[in-house]
Amino acid sequence: MIGFHIVRGPPWPGTNWLALSAVERIVHLHATSCSPSSPGGAIRRPGSEPTASTTPGDSARAATSPKPGHVQPPRVAGVVPTAAFAWGLQFAFFNPALALILAGHFNATAAQIGLALGLYNVSGFVSSLVIPALADRRRNYLTPIMWSGLATMPLMAVLGLTTNLSAAVAALIVFGGPASVGSSLLFAHLRSTGYPQRSIINTRAVVSFAWVAGPPIATLLAGAFGDRAVLLAIAVIAALGLMTTFILRRRSSVLDVAHAAAMNEAASGQLPVIAIGSIGIAFVALQATNYVVTSVLALYVSRTLHLPVVWAGVALAVAAAAEIPALLFAGRLATRFSNLTLIAAACVVGACYYVAVAFVQGPIELVAVQLLNAAFFAVIAGVGLTLFQDVIPRPGLASGLFTNVRRIGAVVSGGLVALTTLIGGYRNMFLICAGLTLVALCIILAVSFSTRRRAAAQP
């Protein structure tokens, strides 16, 4: 049984929500970071005022802080972290298991699996743009989240009860895409209701924890009870997500629409379209380099370093585990530095990581440098999301575009991996990743410089 403690204002001292001790600290930091005492949780010295060099992130976060006399919607302690964990766990179960289910339950060939996954991803890409855009128009994100959760149920039913591959592919297209946008809509809801940046990043840490915990749990379920057990577990998790969304929807029925409109207007126009497009290109490059590491590290360990492939698993596990505290620390830093500054610093760390990986000789060095990888990707994933929300006036579209930037990066990474033999092996591949990261850094620095110059020129 799950108990929720309903409070008003700063949430939940002594809340007992879900028996997940490993995320208690994440949830606690999520709650304590929601204080509206300063814009976006920003820490300022008494008497200090924003200067002319204020960045888009600073001014947009100030716009989202509660106005005098504005009453924040009452918050339900633990519900947002629970919803984030449910959405993250749902797709941490589903995405790794989908190929196994298609191969085992539907006897699909490799070509058929590739086609099914491609159509599923196209559906997700389109849904991540269309559904959040419609939610922006209505300024209502919780109702579409509920529809996304409901779409999971027929998808699991078709995959579990039929052996017809065509029906399964049709279900992936019709239901799979809409079911995948719940997490993006949750972050859009947080933005639209005035959650501070640190709280959003901490919520992203909960999702990361789910992504770390989900695949091994799903593998154990499939090994012990069969592939269909994973589908049943996903349906149960989706029901939990629906429950939390229903609670949020009831408590958010008094949302100040005028405040949301003012917030979106304040966020708009912070950067010209060409600057936003440049940031998008930079993030595609950054996400592509991260996917390259995930894709080729096992081959690099076995074929270039001539180590047991288990060390690749150890390295990736260390990076994934370290990403969670790195996200929490990034949330703290976000109260002191602008988004563009943090992302530029992360690019430097990322370039150092790729160069270090290219020259490691043994397993200990390989595992140690994963701390750089965790720090790099935590800022890109957490601060990057809030940057998109700062510079794009509609929260749903911003979150959906950020999700799709990751998808595009995955596609680009495939082309990079295909060039491995032409560029002289995996070490050179990592050096190319370092170069792409530095290119992204140059783009970020150019946008930051342009932004500060525009801000200084304003009266």
Protein backbone atom coordinates (compact mmCIF):
# COMPACT_ATOMS: atom_id res chain seq x y z
CA MET A 1 0.00 0.00 0.00
CA ILE A 2 1.30 3.43 -0.93
CA GLY A 3 0.66 6.39 1.35
CA PHE A 4 0.96 10.01 0.29
CA HIS A 5 1.30 12.88 2.70
CA ILE A 6 -0.49 16.00 1.47
CA VAL A 7 0.95 19.31 2.55
CA ARG A 8 0.93 22.94 1.48
CA GLY A 9 3.99 25.02 0.79
CA PRO A 10 7.47 23.52 1.23
CA PRO A 11 6.81 19.80 1.26
CA TRP A 12 7.19 16.80 3.33
CA PRO A 13 9.11 16.58 6.53
CA GLY A 14 8.79 13.01 7.66
CA THR A 15 7.10 11.78 4.51
CA ASN A 16 7.01 8.03 3.99
CA TRP A 17 6.12 7.35 0.37
CA LEU A 18 7.57 4.26 -1.23
CA ALA A 19 9.81 1.60 0.23
CA LEU A 20 12.72 2.52 -1.98
CA SER A 21 15.51 3.36 0.43
CA ALA A 22 18.02 3.84 -2.37
CA VAL A 23 16.17 6.91 -3.62
CA GLU A 24 15.24 8.44 -0.26
CA ARG A 25 18.06 10.96 -0.42
CA ILE A 26 17.17 11.92 -3.99
CA VAL A 27 13.55 12.44 -3.00
CA HIS A 28 14.54 14.43 0.10
CA LEU A 29 16.75 16.74 -1.94
CA HIS A 30 13.93 17.09 -4.48
CA ALA A 31 11.60 18.34 -1.77
CA THR A 32 14.02 20.63 0.03
CA SER A 33 15.01 22.26 -3.26
CA CYS A 34 11.42 23.40 -3.93
CA SER A 35 11.61 26.42 -1.65
CA PRO A 36 10.46 29.55 -3.48
CA SER A 37 12.57 31.83 -1.31
CA SER A 38 14.64 32.94 -4.27
CA PRO A 39 14.25 32.82 -8.03
CA GLY A 40 14.68 29.26 -9.18
CA GLY A 41 16.34 28.44 -5.91
CA ALA A 42 19.15 30.84 -6.79
CA ILE A 43 21.44 31.87 -3.97
CA ARG A 44 22.11 35.60 -3.82
CA ARG A 45 23.85 37.71 -1.22
CA PRO A 46 21.53 40.05 0.69
CA GLY A 47 21.00 43.22 -1.25
CA SER A 48 22.43 41.92 -4.48
CA GLU A 49 20.53 42.50 -7.69
CA PRO A 50 20.80 40.96 -11.15
CA THR A 51 23.24 42.82 -13.35
CA ALA A 52 23.14 43.61 -17.03
CA SER A 53 25.03 40.43 -17.76
CA THR A 54 22.16 38.28 -16.56
CA THR A 55 21.89 35.18 -18.75
CA PRO A 56 18.70 33.76 -20.30
CA GLY A 57 18.68 31.04 -17.69
CA ASP A 58 18.83 33.58 -14.85
CA SER A 59 16.06 35.82 -16.20
CA ALA A 60 13.80 32.94 -17.17
CA ARG A 61 14.20 31.32 -13.76
CA ALA A 62 13.38 34.65 -12.14
CA ALA A 63 10.24 34.78 -14.26
CA THR A 64 9.12 31.42 -12.95
CA SER A 65 9.50 32.37 -9.28
CA PRO A 66 6.28 33.06 -7.39
CA LYS A 67 5.03 36.62 -7.75
CA PRO A 68 3.89 38.54 -4.65
CA GLY A 69 0.43 37.37 -3.80
CA HIS A 70 0.65 34.34 -6.05
CA VAL A 71 -0.30 31.14 -4.27
CA GLN A 72 1.57 28.09 -5.42
CA PRO A 73 -0.58 25.01 -6.05
CA PRO A 74 -0.45 22.70 -3.02
CA ARG A 75 2.13 19.99 -3.48
CA VAL A 76 1.83 16.35 -2.58
CA ALA A 77 4.93 15.05 -0.89
CA GLY A 78 6.62 12.26 -2.78
CA VAL A 79 4.18 12.18 -5.70
CA VAL A 80 6.45 13.88 -8.24
CA PRO A 81 9.46 11.65 -7.44
CA THR A 82 7.18 8.60 -7.51
CA ALA A 83 5.79 9.62 -10.90
CA ALA A 84 9.30 10.23 -12.24
CA PHE A 85 10.47 6.86 -10.93
CA ALA A 86 7.45 5.09 -12.45
CA TRP A 87 7.95 6.63 -15.90
CA GLY A 88 11.67 5.98 -15.84
CA LEU A 89 11.25 2.40 -14.64
CA GLN A 90 8.52 1.67 -17.18
CA PHE A 91 10.79 2.36 -20.14
CA ALA A 92 13.89 1.01 -18.44
CA PHE A 93 11.95 -2.28 -18.45
CA PHE A 94 10.44 -1.93 -21.90
CA ASN A 95 13.19 -0.67 -24.20
CA PRO A 96 15.80 -3.38 -23.42
CA ALA A 97 13.17 -6.14 -23.37
CA LEU A 98 11.40 -5.19 -26.60
CA ALA A 99 13.88 -6.86 -28.97
CA LEU A 100 13.89 -10.01 -26.82
CA ILE A 101 10.09 -10.13 -26.84
CA LEU A 102 9.92 -9.68 -30.61
CA ALA A 103 12.51 -12.40 -31.16
CA GLY A 104 11.22 -14.88 -28.58
CA HIS A 105 7.47 -14.38 -28.51
CA PHE A 106 6.92 -13.43 -32.17
CA ASN A 107 9.84 -15.32 -33.77
CA ALA A 108 10.86 -12.15 -35.61
CA THR A 109 14.01 -12.13 -37.73
CA ALA A 110 16.77 -9.57 -37.25
CA ALA A 111 15.46 -7.55 -40.20
CA GLN A 112 11.90 -7.60 -38.83
CA ILE A 113 13.13 -6.54 -35.39
CA GLY A 114 15.06 -3.66 -36.93
CA LEU A 115 12.00 -2.53 -38.89
CA ALA A 116 9.74 -2.76 -35.83
CA LEU A 117 12.17 -0.79 -33.67
CA GLY A 118 12.57 1.82 -36.41
CA LEU A 119 8.81 2.34 -36.77
CA TYR A 120 8.43 2.47 -32.98
CA ASN A 121 11.11 5.17 -32.74
CA VAL A 122 9.52 7.18 -35.56
CA SER A 123 6.21 7.05 -33.70
CA GLY A 124 7.96 8.20 -30.54
CA PHE A 125 9.69 11.03 -32.41
CA VAL A 126 6.42 12.35 -33.86
CA SER A 127 4.54 11.90 -30.58
CA SER A 128 7.24 13.82 -28.68
CA LEU A 129 6.51 16.84 -30.88
CA VAL A 130 2.77 16.65 -31.48
CA ILE A 131 1.42 15.70 -28.04
CA PRO A 132 3.49 18.25 -26.04
CA ALA A 133 2.58 20.95 -28.58
CA LEU A 134 -1.12 20.23 -28.03
CA ALA A 135 -0.55 20.26 -24.27
CA ASP A 136 1.16 23.67 -24.57
CA ARG A 137 -1.85 25.03 -26.42
CA ARG A 138 -4.18 23.98 -23.58
CA ARG A 139 -1.60 24.64 -20.83
CA ASN A 140 -2.56 21.26 -19.42
CA TYR A 141 0.11 18.57 -19.18
CA LEU A 142 -1.36 16.15 -16.66
CA THR A 143 -4.29 15.00 -18.79
CA PRO A 144 -1.98 14.02 -21.70
CA ILE A 145 0.26 12.23 -19.18
CA MET A 146 -2.74 10.15 -18.13
CA TRP A 147 -3.52 9.33 -21.76
CA SER A 148 0.10 8.29 -22.22
CA GLY A 149 -0.20 5.96 -19.25
CA LEU A 150 -3.46 4.54 -20.54
CA ALA A 151 -1.86 3.89 -23.95
CA THR A 152 0.58 1.55 -22.22
CA MET A 153 -2.20 -0.88 -21.25
CA PRO A 154 -3.40 -1.93 -24.75
CA LEU A 155 0.23 -2.02 -25.91
CA MET A 156 1.13 -4.52 -23.19
CA ALA A 157 -2.05 -6.49 -23.89
CA VAL A 158 -1.29 -6.86 -27.61
CA LEU A 159 2.34 -7.80 -27.02
CA GLY A 160 1.39 -10.31 -24.35
CA LEU A 161 -1.73 -11.92 -25.80
CA THR A 162 -1.10 -12.18 -29.53
CA THR A 163 1.57 -13.90 -31.60
CA ASN A 164 0.85 -11.90 -34.76
CA LEU A 165 3.89 -9.78 -35.59
CA SER A 166 1.91 -7.35 -37.75
CA ALA A 167 -0.47 -6.66 -34.87
CA ALA A 168 2.48 -6.11 -32.54
CA VAL A 169 4.11 -3.62 -34.92
CA ALA A 170 0.80 -1.79 -35.37
CA ALA A 171 0.43 -1.55 -31.59
CA LEU A 172 3.97 -0.18 -31.27
CA ILE A 173 3.13 2.54 -33.81
CA VAL A 174 -0.35 3.45 -32.51
CA PHE A 175 0.21 3.08 -28.75
CA GLY A 176 3.98 2.88 -28.27
CA GLY A 177 4.78 6.40 -29.45
CA PRO A 178 2.14 8.17 -27.33
CA ALA A 179 3.03 5.98 -24.33
CA SER A 180 6.63 7.19 -24.48
CA VAL A 181 6.00 10.91 -23.93
CA GLY A 182 4.90 10.78 -20.30
CA SER A 183 8.30 11.64 -18.89
CA SER A 184 8.70 14.69 -21.16
CA LEU A 185 5.24 15.91 -20.20
CA LEU A 186 6.04 15.50 -16.51
CA PHE A 187 9.03 17.83 -16.83
CA ALA A 188 6.87 20.26 -18.80
CA HIS A 189 4.31 20.19 -15.99
CA LEU A 190 7.01 20.93 -13.41
CA ARG A 191 8.22 23.87 -15.45
CA SER A 192 4.71 25.24 -16.02
CA THR A 193 3.87 25.14 -12.30
CA GLY A 194 6.97 27.06 -11.26
CA TYR A 195 9.21 24.30 -9.94
CA PRO A 196 12.76 25.65 -9.50
CA GLN A 197 15.57 24.44 -11.70
CA ARG A 198 17.26 22.46 -8.95
CA SER A 199 14.06 20.55 -8.25
CA ILE A 200 13.68 19.66 -11.94
CA ILE A 201 17.27 18.40 -12.10
CA ASN A 202 16.75 16.34 -8.94
CA THR A 203 13.64 14.83 -10.52
CA ARG A 204 15.80 13.93 -13.50
CA ALA A 205 18.12 12.13 -11.05
CA VAL A 206 15.18 9.96 -9.96
CA VAL A 207 14.62 9.01 -13.61
CA SER A 208 18.31 8.13 -13.92
CA PHE A 209 18.04 5.90 -10.87
CA ALA A 210 15.14 4.09 -12.52
CA TRP A 211 17.18 3.63 -15.70
CA VAL A 212 20.01 2.12 -13.66
CA ALA A 213 17.77 -0.21 -11.65
CA GLY A 214 15.34 -1.18 -14.42
CA PRO A 215 17.33 -3.33 -16.89
CA PRO A 216 18.77 -5.81 -14.34
CA ILE A 217 15.37 -6.19 -12.66
CA ALA A 218 13.70 -6.77 -16.03
CA THR A 219 16.36 -9.33 -16.93
CA LEU A 220 15.79 -11.20 -13.67
CA LEU A 221 12.02 -11.22 -14.24
CA ALA A 222 12.40 -12.50 -17.80
CA GLY A 223 14.85 -15.19 -16.72
CA ALA A 224 12.70 -16.39 -13.83
CA PHE A 225 9.17 -16.04 -15.22
CA GLY A 226 9.48 -15.44 -18.97
CA ASP A 227 9.16 -12.41 -21.23
CA ARG A 228 5.46 -11.92 -20.51
CA ALA A 229 6.25 -11.29 -16.84
CA VAL A 230 8.09 -8.14 -17.92
CA LEU A 231 4.98 -6.95 -19.79
CA LEU A 232 2.83 -7.53 -16.71
CA ALA A 233 5.32 -5.64 -14.55
CA ILE A 234 5.25 -2.72 -16.99
CA ALA A 235 1.44 -2.61 -16.79
CA VAL A 236 1.62 -2.49 -12.98
CA ILE A 237 4.22 0.29 -13.10
CA ALA A 238 2.05 2.21 -15.58
CA ALA A 239 -0.86 1.91 -13.15
CA LEU A 240 1.34 3.42 -10.44
CA GLY A 241 2.20 6.28 -12.79
CA LEU A 242 -1.49 6.84 -13.49
CA MET A 243 -2.22 6.93 -9.77
CA THR A 244 0.40 9.59 -9.10
CA THR A 245 -0.71 11.64 -12.10
CA PHE A 246 -4.31 11.51 -10.90
CA ILE A 247 -3.24 12.88 -7.51
CA LEU A 248 -1.20 15.64 -9.15
CA ARG A 249 -4.14 16.46 -11.41
CA ARG A 250 -6.51 16.88 -8.49
CA ARG A 251 -4.09 19.08 -6.56
CA SER A 252 -3.20 21.18 -9.61
CA SER A 253 -6.75 22.00 -10.67
CA VAL A 254 -6.31 25.54 -9.32
CA LEU A 255 -3.23 26.30 -11.44
CA ASP A 256 -2.84 30.02 -12.08
CA VAL A 257 -3.10 30.09 -15.87
CA ALA A 258 -2.20 33.78 -16.01
CA HIS A 259 1.03 33.06 -14.15
CA ALA A 260 1.87 30.26 -16.58
CA ALA A 261 1.23 32.54 -19.54
CA ALA A 262 3.42 35.27 -18.04
CA MET A 263 6.17 32.75 -17.42
CA ASN A 264 6.09 31.52 -21.01
CA GLU A 265 6.09 35.08 -22.34
CA ALA A 266 9.09 35.93 -20.17
CA ALA A 267 10.97 32.90 -21.46
CA SER A 268 10.23 33.71 -25.09
CA GLY A 269 12.57 35.92 -27.03
CA GLN A 270 15.48 35.25 -24.70
CA LEU A 271 17.51 33.92 -27.61
CA PRO A 272 17.04 34.34 -31.37
CA VAL A 273 16.00 31.33 -33.39
CA ILE A 274 19.47 30.89 -34.86
CA ALA A 275 20.95 30.69 -31.36
CA ILE A 276 18.39 28.08 -30.29
CA GLY A 277 19.15 26.10 -33.45
CA SER A 278 22.86 26.32 -32.70
CA ILE A 279 22.30 24.98 -29.19
CA GLY A 280 20.26 22.13 -30.68
CA ILE A 281 23.11 21.22 -33.05
CA ALA A 282 25.59 21.30 -30.18
CA PHE A 283 23.43 18.96 -28.13
CA VAL A 284 23.00 16.54 -31.03
CA ALA A 285 26.79 16.30 -31.19
CA LEU A 286 27.09 15.82 -27.42
CA GLN A 287 24.40 13.15 -27.31
CA ALA A 288 25.95 11.38 -30.31
CA THR A 289 29.32 11.11 -28.58
CA ASN A 290 27.67 9.62 -25.52
CA TYR A 291 25.89 7.01 -27.62
CA VAL A 292 29.16 6.13 -29.35
CA VAL A 293 30.73 5.27 -26.00
CA THR A 294 27.80 3.09 -25.00
CA SER A 295 27.81 1.32 -28.37
CA VAL A 296 31.49 0.55 -28.85
CA LEU A 297 32.98 0.34 -25.36
CA ALA A 298 32.58 -3.45 -25.19
CA LEU A 299 34.33 -3.86 -28.54
CA TYR A 300 37.04 -1.40 -27.53
CA VAL A 301 37.71 -3.31 -24.31
CA SER A 302 37.88 -6.72 -25.99
CA ARG A 303 39.54 -5.89 -29.32
CA THR A 304 41.79 -2.93 -28.56
CA LEU A 305 42.61 -3.24 -24.87
CA HIS A 306 42.45 -7.07 -25.02
CA LEU A 307 40.67 -7.24 -21.68
CA PRO A 308 37.73 -9.45 -20.63
CA VAL A 309 34.53 -7.85 -21.89
CA VAL A 310 33.18 -7.81 -18.33
CA TRP A 311 35.29 -4.70 -17.73
CA ALA A 312 33.14 -2.81 -20.21
CA GLY A 313 30.09 -3.70 -18.14
CA VAL A 314 31.85 -2.61 -14.96
CA ALA A 315 32.85 0.71 -16.53
CA LEU A 316 29.34 1.46 -17.81
CA ALA A 317 27.82 0.47 -14.46
CA VAL A 318 30.17 2.83 -12.60
CA ALA A 319 29.30 5.66 -14.98
CA ALA A 320 25.56 5.04 -14.58
CA ALA A 321 25.75 4.84 -10.79
CA ALA A 322 27.92 7.96 -10.51
CA GLU A 323 25.52 9.90 -12.74
CA ILE A 324 22.92 10.10 -9.96
CA PRO A 325 25.02 11.99 -7.36
CA ALA A 326 26.49 14.00 -10.22
CA LEU A 327 22.98 15.14 -11.18
CA LEU A 328 22.26 16.15 -7.59
CA PHE A 329 25.50 18.14 -7.46
CA ALA A 330 24.65 19.74 -10.81
CA GLY A 331 21.36 20.87 -9.29
CA ARG A 332 23.29 22.67 -6.57
CA LEU A 333 25.66 24.27 -9.05
CA ALA A 334 22.69 25.45 -11.12
CA THR A 335 21.74 27.82 -8.28
CA ARG A 336 25.12 29.55 -8.58
CA PHE A 337 26.05 29.48 -12.27
CA SER A 338 24.18 30.00 -15.52
CA ASN A 339 23.12 27.05 -17.64
CA LEU A 340 25.47 27.95 -20.48
CA THR A 341 28.42 28.23 -18.10
CA LEU A 342 27.75 24.78 -16.65
CA ILE A 343 27.31 23.20 -20.06
CA ALA A 344 30.53 24.78 -21.34
CA ALA A 345 32.37 23.39 -18.31
CA ALA A 346 30.80 19.98 -18.95
CA CYS A 347 32.07 20.05 -22.54
CA VAL A 348 35.62 20.53 -21.25
CA VAL A 349 35.16 17.59 -18.88
CA GLY A 350 33.70 15.48 -21.69
CA ALA A 351 36.59 16.22 -24.04
CA CYS A 352 39.04 15.23 -21.29
CA TYR A 353 37.11 11.99 -20.79
CA TYR A 354 37.23 10.98 -24.45
CA VAL A 355 40.95 11.72 -24.69
CA ALA A 356 41.58 9.76 -21.49
CA VAL A 357 39.60 6.75 -22.75
CA ALA A 358 41.56 6.80 -25.99
CA PHE A 359 44.84 6.38 -24.10
CA VAL A 360 43.95 4.08 -21.18
CA GLN A 361 45.90 0.84 -21.00
CA GLY A 362 44.32 -1.13 -18.16
CA PRO A 363 40.99 -1.81 -16.45
CA ILE A 364 41.59 0.39 -13.41
CA GLU A 365 42.19 3.50 -15.51
CA LEU A 366 39.18 2.64 -17.67
CA VAL A 367 36.89 2.46 -14.66
CA ALA A 368 38.38 5.54 -12.98
CA VAL A 369 37.80 7.85 -15.94
CA GLN A 370 34.10 6.95 -15.92
CA LEU A 371 33.69 9.53 -13.16
CA LEU A 372 34.45 12.15 -15.79
CA ASN A 373 31.85 10.54 -18.05
CA ALA A 374 29.25 10.69 -15.28
CA ALA A 375 29.94 14.36 -14.53
CA PHE A 376 29.81 15.23 -18.23
CA PHE A 377 26.56 13.46 -19.01
CA ALA A 378 24.83 14.55 -15.78
CA VAL A 379 25.16 18.19 -16.76
CA ILE A 380 24.15 17.52 -20.37
CA ALA A 381 21.06 15.54 -19.28
CA GLY A 382 19.97 17.65 -16.31
CA VAL A 383 21.08 21.21 -16.96
CA GLY A 384 20.54 20.71 -20.69
CA LEU A 385 16.86 19.99 -20.10
CA THR A 386 16.38 23.16 -18.07
CA LEU A 387 18.33 25.16 -20.66
CA PHE A 388 15.89 24.08 -23.37
CA GLN A 389 13.01 25.02 -21.07
CA ASP A 390 14.59 28.43 -20.47
CA VAL A 391 15.11 29.40 -24.11
CA ILE A 392 12.00 27.82 -25.67
CA PRO A 393 8.80 29.55 -24.53
CA ARG A 394 6.56 26.46 -24.41
CA PRO A 395 7.46 23.88 -21.73
CA GLY A 396 6.00 20.90 -23.58
CA LEU A 397 7.73 21.71 -26.86
CA ALA A 398 11.00 22.38 -25.02
CA SER A 399 10.94 19.01 -23.25
CA GLY A 400 9.86 17.19 -26.40
CA LEU A 401 12.62 18.77 -28.48
CA PHE A 402 15.20 17.85 -25.86
CA THR A 403 13.99 14.25 -25.98
CA ASN A 404 14.20 14.21 -29.77
CA VAL A 405 17.67 15.75 -29.75
CA ARG A 406 18.73 12.62 -27.88
CA ARG A 407 17.06 10.44 -30.53
CA ILE A 408 18.78 12.31 -33.34
CA GLY A 409 22.08 11.94 -31.51
CA ALA A 410 21.53 8.19 -31.42
CA VAL A 411 21.03 8.15 -35.20
CA VAL A 412 24.16 10.24 -35.78
CA SER A 413 26.17 7.95 -33.51
CA GLY A 414 25.38 5.03 -35.82
CA GLY A 415 27.06 6.86 -38.67
CA LEU A 416 30.09 7.60 -36.52
CA VAL A 417 30.43 3.97 -35.46
CA ALA A 418 30.24 2.90 -39.11
CA LEU A 419 33.36 4.98 -39.79
CA THR A 420 35.47 3.07 -37.28
CA THR A 421 37.41 1.01 -39.81
CA LEU A 422 38.01 4.05 -42.04
CA ILE A 423 39.53 6.18 -39.27
CA GLY A 424 41.91 3.59 -37.88
CA GLY A 425 40.13 1.98 -34.95
CA TYR A 426 38.37 2.75 -31.72
CA ARG A 427 41.06 4.96 -30.18
CA ASN A 428 40.71 7.39 -33.06
CA MET A 429 36.93 7.16 -32.71
CA PHE A 430 37.18 8.46 -29.14
CA LEU A 431 39.49 11.26 -30.30
CA ILE A 432 36.86 12.24 -32.89
CA CYS A 433 34.30 12.30 -30.06
CA ALA A 434 36.61 14.66 -28.17
CA GLY A 435 36.79 16.87 -31.25
CA LEU A 436 33.00 16.95 -31.61
CA THR A 437 32.69 17.87 -27.95
CA LEU A 438 35.08 20.79 -28.47
CA VAL A 439 33.04 21.89 -31.50
CA ALA A 440 29.94 21.87 -29.28
CA LEU A 441 31.90 23.87 -26.69
CA CYS A 442 32.73 26.51 -29.30
CA ILE A 443 29.05 26.77 -30.25
CA ILE A 444 28.01 27.14 -26.60
CA LEU A 445 30.68 29.79 -25.97
CA ALA A 446 29.61 31.72 -29.08
CA VAL A 447 25.96 31.68 -27.98
CA SER A 448 26.94 32.70 -24.44
CA PHE A 449 29.08 35.59 -25.70
CA SER A 450 26.33 36.76 -28.04
CA THR A 451 23.77 36.56 -25.25
CA ARG A 452 25.86 38.61 -22.84
CA ARG A 453 26.55 41.22 -25.51
CA ARG A 454 22.83 41.54 -26.29
CA ALA A 455 22.04 41.82 -22.57
CA ALA A 456 24.68 44.52 -22.09
CA ALA A 457 23.32 46.49 -25.06
CA GLN A 458 19.83 46.61 -23.61
CA PRO A 459 18.99 49.76 -21.61
